[in-house]
Amino acid sequence: MRRLMEVIASDRVDLKPLVTHRFKLDQIEAAYELFANQRDGVLKVAITP
């Protein structure tokens, strides 16, 4: 785990592709519903203000 965290901290791996869907805070119900049902190729949902 320590090695993995070092690789991530040094920007040697780009984790941005793991966020497959972005939602505004007022759309949080839709985000949870999408993730709970694993539709549309969702891997990770990001909620923004």
PDB file of N, CA and C in Angstrom:
ATOM      1  N   MET A   1       0.825  -1.186   0.000  1.00  0.00           N
ATOM      2  CA  MET A   1       0.000   0.000   0.000  1.00  0.00           C
ATOM      3  C   MET A   1       0.873   1.255   0.000  1.00  0.00           C
ATOM      4  N   ARG A   2       1.941   1.237   0.768  1.00  0.00           N
ATOM      5  CA  ARG A   2       2.835   2.399   0.814  1.00  0.00           C
ATOM      6  C   ARG A   2       3.391   2.706  -0.578  1.00  0.00           C
ATOM      7  N   ARG A   3       3.813   1.670  -1.292  1.00  0.00           N
ATOM      8  CA  ARG A   3       4.371   1.858  -2.645  1.00  0.00           C
ATOM      9  C   ARG A   3       3.311   2.443  -3.583  1.00  0.00           C
ATOM     10  N   LEU A   4       2.110   1.936  -3.501  1.00  0.00           N
ATOM     11  CA  LEU A   4       1.020   2.450  -4.332  1.00  0.00           C
ATOM     12  C   LEU A   4       0.770   3.924  -4.055  1.00  0.00           C
ATOM     13  N   MET A   5       0.735   4.298  -2.795  1.00  0.00           N
ATOM     14  CA  MET A   5       0.515   5.700  -2.435  1.00  0.00           C
ATOM     15  C   MET A   5       1.658   6.587  -2.927  1.00  0.00           C
ATOM     16  N   GLU A   6       2.880   6.088  -2.909  1.00  0.00           N
ATOM     17  CA  GLU A   6       4.020   6.850  -3.436  1.00  0.00           C
ATOM     18  C   GLU A   6       3.893   7.072  -4.935  1.00  0.00           C
ATOM     19  N   VAL A   7       3.463   6.056  -5.660  1.00  0.00           N
ATOM     20  CA  VAL A   7       3.279   6.176  -7.112  1.00  0.00           C
ATOM     21  C   VAL A   7       2.186   7.193  -7.418  1.00  0.00           C
ATOM     22  N   ILE A   8       1.090   7.132  -6.693  1.00  0.00           N
ATOM     23  CA  ILE A   8      -0.007   8.078  -6.905  1.00  0.00           C
ATOM     24  C   ILE A   8       0.439   9.493  -6.554  1.00  0.00           C
ATOM     25  N   ALA A   9       1.117   9.661  -5.450  1.00  0.00           N
ATOM     26  CA  ALA A   9       1.563  10.991  -5.013  1.00  0.00           C
ATOM     27  C   ALA A   9       2.568  11.611  -5.968  1.00  0.00           C
ATOM     28  N   SER A  10       3.335  10.790  -6.652  1.00  0.00           N
ATOM     29  CA  SER A  10       4.348  11.318  -7.565  1.00  0.00           C
ATOM     30  C   SER A  10       3.796  11.588  -8.971  1.00  0.00           C
ATOM     31  N   ASP A  11       2.497  11.422  -9.150  1.00  0.00           N
ATOM     32  CA  ASP A  11       1.830  11.659 -10.443  1.00  0.00           C
ATOM     33  C   ASP A  11       2.331  10.747 -11.555  1.00  0.00           C
ATOM     34  N   ARG A  12       2.772   9.556 -11.200  1.00  0.00           N
ATOM     35  CA  ARG A  12       3.207   8.592 -12.215  1.00  0.00           C
ATOM     36  C   ARG A  12       2.046   7.771 -12.765  1.00  0.00           C
ATOM     37  N   VAL A  13       0.899   7.952 -12.191  1.00  0.00           N
ATOM     38  CA  VAL A  13      -0.295   7.263 -12.667  1.00  0.00           C
ATOM     39  C   VAL A  13      -1.438   8.273 -12.691  1.00  0.00           C
ATOM     40  N   ASP A  14      -2.220   8.235 -13.747  1.00  0.00           N
ATOM     41  CA  ASP A  14      -3.337   9.163 -13.902  1.00  0.00           C
ATOM     42  C   ASP A  14      -4.630   8.446 -13.521  1.00  0.00           C
ATOM     43  N   LEU A  15      -5.224   8.860 -12.416  1.00  0.00           N
ATOM     44  CA  LEU A  15      -6.455   8.222 -11.945  1.00  0.00           C
ATOM     45  C   LEU A  15      -7.716   8.885 -12.486  1.00  0.00           C
ATOM     46  N   LYS A  16      -7.569   9.953 -13.246  1.00  0.00           N
ATOM     47  CA  LYS A  16      -8.736  10.671 -13.765  1.00  0.00           C
ATOM     48  C   LYS A  16      -9.672   9.789 -14.599  1.00  0.00           C
ATOM     49  N   PRO A  17      -9.166   8.861 -15.401  1.00  0.00           N
ATOM     50  CA  PRO A  17     -10.097   8.026 -16.180  1.00  0.00           C
ATOM     51  C   PRO A  17     -11.022   7.161 -15.326  1.00  0.00           C
ATOM     52  N   LEU A  18     -10.685   6.980 -14.061  1.00  0.00           N
ATOM     53  CA  LEU A  18     -11.555   6.185 -13.197  1.00  0.00           C
ATOM     54  C   LEU A  18     -12.848   6.914 -12.862  1.00  0.00           C
ATOM     55  N   VAL A  19     -12.844   8.247 -12.919  1.00  0.00           N
ATOM     56  CA  VAL A  19     -14.072   9.016 -12.695  1.00  0.00           C
ATOM     57  C   VAL A  19     -14.810   9.050 -14.026  1.00  0.00           C
ATOM     58  N   THR A  20     -15.839   8.240 -14.109  1.00  0.00           N
ATOM     59  CA  THR A  20     -16.548   8.094 -15.382  1.00  0.00           C
ATOM     60  C   THR A  20     -17.768   9.005 -15.504  1.00  0.00           C
ATOM     61  N   HIS A  21     -18.263   9.497 -14.380  1.00  0.00           N
ATOM     62  CA  HIS A  21     -19.459  10.345 -14.403  1.00  0.00           C
ATOM     63  C   HIS A  21     -19.300  11.470 -13.391  1.00  0.00           C
ATOM     64  N   ARG A  22     -19.761  12.644 -13.751  1.00  0.00           N
ATOM     65  CA  ARG A  22     -19.721  13.816 -12.858  1.00  0.00           C
ATOM     66  C   ARG A  22     -21.128  14.371 -12.711  1.00  0.00           C
ATOM     67  N   PHE A  23     -21.462  14.722 -11.475  1.00  0.00           N
ATOM     68  CA  PHE A  23     -22.774  15.269 -11.174  1.00  0.00           C
ATOM     69  C   PHE A  23     -22.625  16.492 -10.283  1.00  0.00           C
ATOM     70  N   LYS A  24     -23.545  17.413 -10.403  1.00  0.00           N
ATOM     71  CA  LYS A  24     -23.633  18.547  -9.486  1.00  0.00           C
ATOM     72  C   LYS A  24     -24.283  18.055  -8.187  1.00  0.00           C
ATOM     73  N   LEU A  25     -24.047  18.782  -7.122  1.00  0.00           N
ATOM     74  CA  LEU A  25     -24.564  18.381  -5.814  1.00  0.00           C
ATOM     75  C   LEU A  25     -26.082  18.215  -5.823  1.00  0.00           C
ATOM     76  N   ASP A  26     -26.775  19.052  -6.581  1.00  0.00           N
ATOM     77  CA  ASP A  26     -28.235  18.932  -6.612  1.00  0.00           C
ATOM     78  C   ASP A  26     -28.716  17.726  -7.427  1.00  0.00           C
ATOM     79  N   GLN A  27     -27.804  16.997  -8.051  1.00  0.00           N
ATOM     80  CA  GLN A  27     -28.135  15.787  -8.809  1.00  0.00           C
ATOM     81  C   GLN A  27     -27.679  14.522  -8.072  1.00  0.00           C
ATOM     82  N   ILE A  28     -27.425  14.640  -6.789  1.00  0.00           N
ATOM     83  CA  ILE A  28     -26.825  13.536  -6.040  1.00  0.00           C
ATOM     84  C   ILE A  28     -27.703  12.284  -6.034  1.00  0.00           C
ATOM     85  N   GLU A  29     -29.000  12.440  -6.023  1.00  0.00           N
ATOM     86  CA  GLU A  29     -29.877  11.267  -6.048  1.00  0.00           C
ATOM     87  C   GLU A  29     -29.682  10.472  -7.324  1.00  0.00           C
ATOM     88  N   ALA A  30     -29.574  11.155  -8.450  1.00  0.00           N
ATOM     89  CA  ALA A  30     -29.342  10.477  -9.729  1.00  0.00           C
ATOM     90  C   ALA A  30     -27.978   9.792  -9.736  1.00  0.00           C
ATOM     91  N   ALA A  31     -26.987  10.440  -9.133  1.00  0.00           N
ATOM     92  CA  ALA A  31     -25.644   9.863  -9.067  1.00  0.00           C
ATOM     93  C   ALA A  31     -25.653   8.569  -8.264  1.00  0.00           C
ATOM     94  N   TYR A  32     -26.285   8.592  -7.099  1.00  0.00           N
ATOM     95  CA  TYR A  32     -26.358   7.391  -6.265  1.00  0.00           C
ATOM     96  C   TYR A  32     -27.134   6.287  -6.964  1.00  0.00           C
ATOM     97  N   GLU A  33     -28.198   6.635  -7.636  1.00  0.00           N
ATOM     98  CA  GLU A  33     -29.006   5.650  -8.344  1.00  0.00           C
ATOM     99  C   GLU A  33     -28.186   5.000  -9.460  1.00  0.00           C
ATOM    100  N   LEU A  34     -27.453   5.796 -10.220  1.00  0.00           N
ATOM    101  CA  LEU A  34     -26.616   5.282 -11.299  1.00  0.00           C
ATOM    102  C   LEU A  34     -25.566   4.320 -10.744  1.00  0.00           C
ATOM    103  N   PHE A  35     -24.869   4.753  -9.694  1.00  0.00           N
ATOM    104  CA  PHE A  35     -23.815   3.924  -9.123  1.00  0.00           C
ATOM    105  C   PHE A  35     -24.377   2.651  -8.486  1.00  0.00           C
ATOM    106  N   ALA A  36     -25.480   2.767  -7.801  1.00  0.00           N
ATOM    107  CA  ALA A  36     -26.085   1.604  -7.144  1.00  0.00           C
ATOM    108  C   ALA A  36     -26.492   0.537  -8.146  1.00  0.00           C
ATOM    109  N   ASN A  37     -26.927   0.964  -9.316  1.00  0.00           N
ATOM    110  CA  ASN A  37     -27.379   0.021 -10.336  1.00  0.00           C
ATOM    111  C   ASN A  37     -26.315  -0.297 -11.379  1.00  0.00           C
ATOM    112  N   GLN A  38     -25.121   0.303 -11.236  1.00  0.00           N
ATOM    113  CA  GLN A  38     -23.988   0.027 -12.124  1.00  0.00           C
ATOM    114  C   GLN A  38     -24.376   0.086 -13.605  1.00  0.00           C
ATOM    115  N   ARG A  39     -24.993   1.200 -13.983  1.00  0.00           N
ATOM    116  CA  ARG A  39     -25.397   1.396 -15.377  1.00  0.00           C
ATOM    117  C   ARG A  39     -24.394   2.275 -16.108  1.00  0.00           C
ATOM    118  N   ASP A  40     -24.483   2.273 -17.425  1.00  0.00           N
ATOM    119  CA  ASP A  40     -23.728   3.165 -18.306  1.00  0.00           C
ATOM    120  C   ASP A  40     -22.220   3.102 -18.083  1.00  0.00           C
ATOM    121  N   GLY A  41     -21.695   1.958 -17.706  1.00  0.00           N
ATOM    122  CA  GLY A  41     -20.264   1.790 -17.549  1.00  0.00           C
ATOM    123  C   GLY A  41     -19.661   2.580 -16.400  1.00  0.00           C
ATOM    124  N   VAL A  42     -20.444   2.878 -15.391  1.00  0.00           N
ATOM    125  CA  VAL A  42     -19.973   3.680 -14.264  1.00  0.00           C
ATOM    126  C   VAL A  42     -18.887   2.942 -13.481  1.00  0.00           C
ATOM    127  N   LEU A  43     -17.811   3.650 -13.182  1.00  0.00           N
ATOM    128  CA  LEU A  43     -16.762   3.137 -12.294  1.00  0.00           C
ATOM    129  C   LEU A  43     -16.701   3.975 -11.026  1.00  0.00           C
ATOM    130  N   LYS A  44     -16.699   5.293 -11.218  1.00  0.00           N
ATOM    131  CA  LYS A  44     -16.592   6.213 -10.086  1.00  0.00           C
ATOM    132  C   LYS A  44     -17.387   7.463 -10.427  1.00  0.00           C
ATOM    133  N   VAL A  45     -18.145   7.950  -9.475  1.00  0.00           N
ATOM    134  CA  VAL A  45     -18.959   9.158  -9.649  1.00  0.00           C
ATOM    135  C   VAL A  45     -18.319  10.274  -8.839  1.00  0.00           C
ATOM    136  N   ALA A  46     -18.184  11.435  -9.453  1.00  0.00           N
ATOM    137  CA  ALA A  46     -17.683  12.633  -8.757  1.00  0.00           C
ATOM    138  C   ALA A  46     -18.832  13.603  -8.566  1.00  0.00           C
ATOM    139  N   ILE A  47     -18.944  14.125  -7.364  1.00  0.00           N
ATOM    140  CA  ILE A  47     -19.971  15.120  -7.034  1.00  0.00           C
ATOM    141  C   ILE A  47     -19.270  16.459  -6.866  1.00  0.00           C
ATOM    142  N   THR A  48     -19.763  17.464  -7.578  1.00  0.00           N
ATOM    143  CA  THR A  48     -19.165  18.809  -7.488  1.00  0.00           C
ATOM    144  C   THR A  48     -20.202  19.796  -6.970  1.00  0.00           C
ATOM    145  N   PRO A  49     -19.729  20.863  -6.323  1.00  0.00           N
ATOM    146  CA  PRO A  49     -20.678  21.858  -5.785  1.00  0.00           C
ATOM    147  C   PRO A  49     -21.452  22.573  -6.871  1.00  0.00           C
TER     148      PRO A  49
END
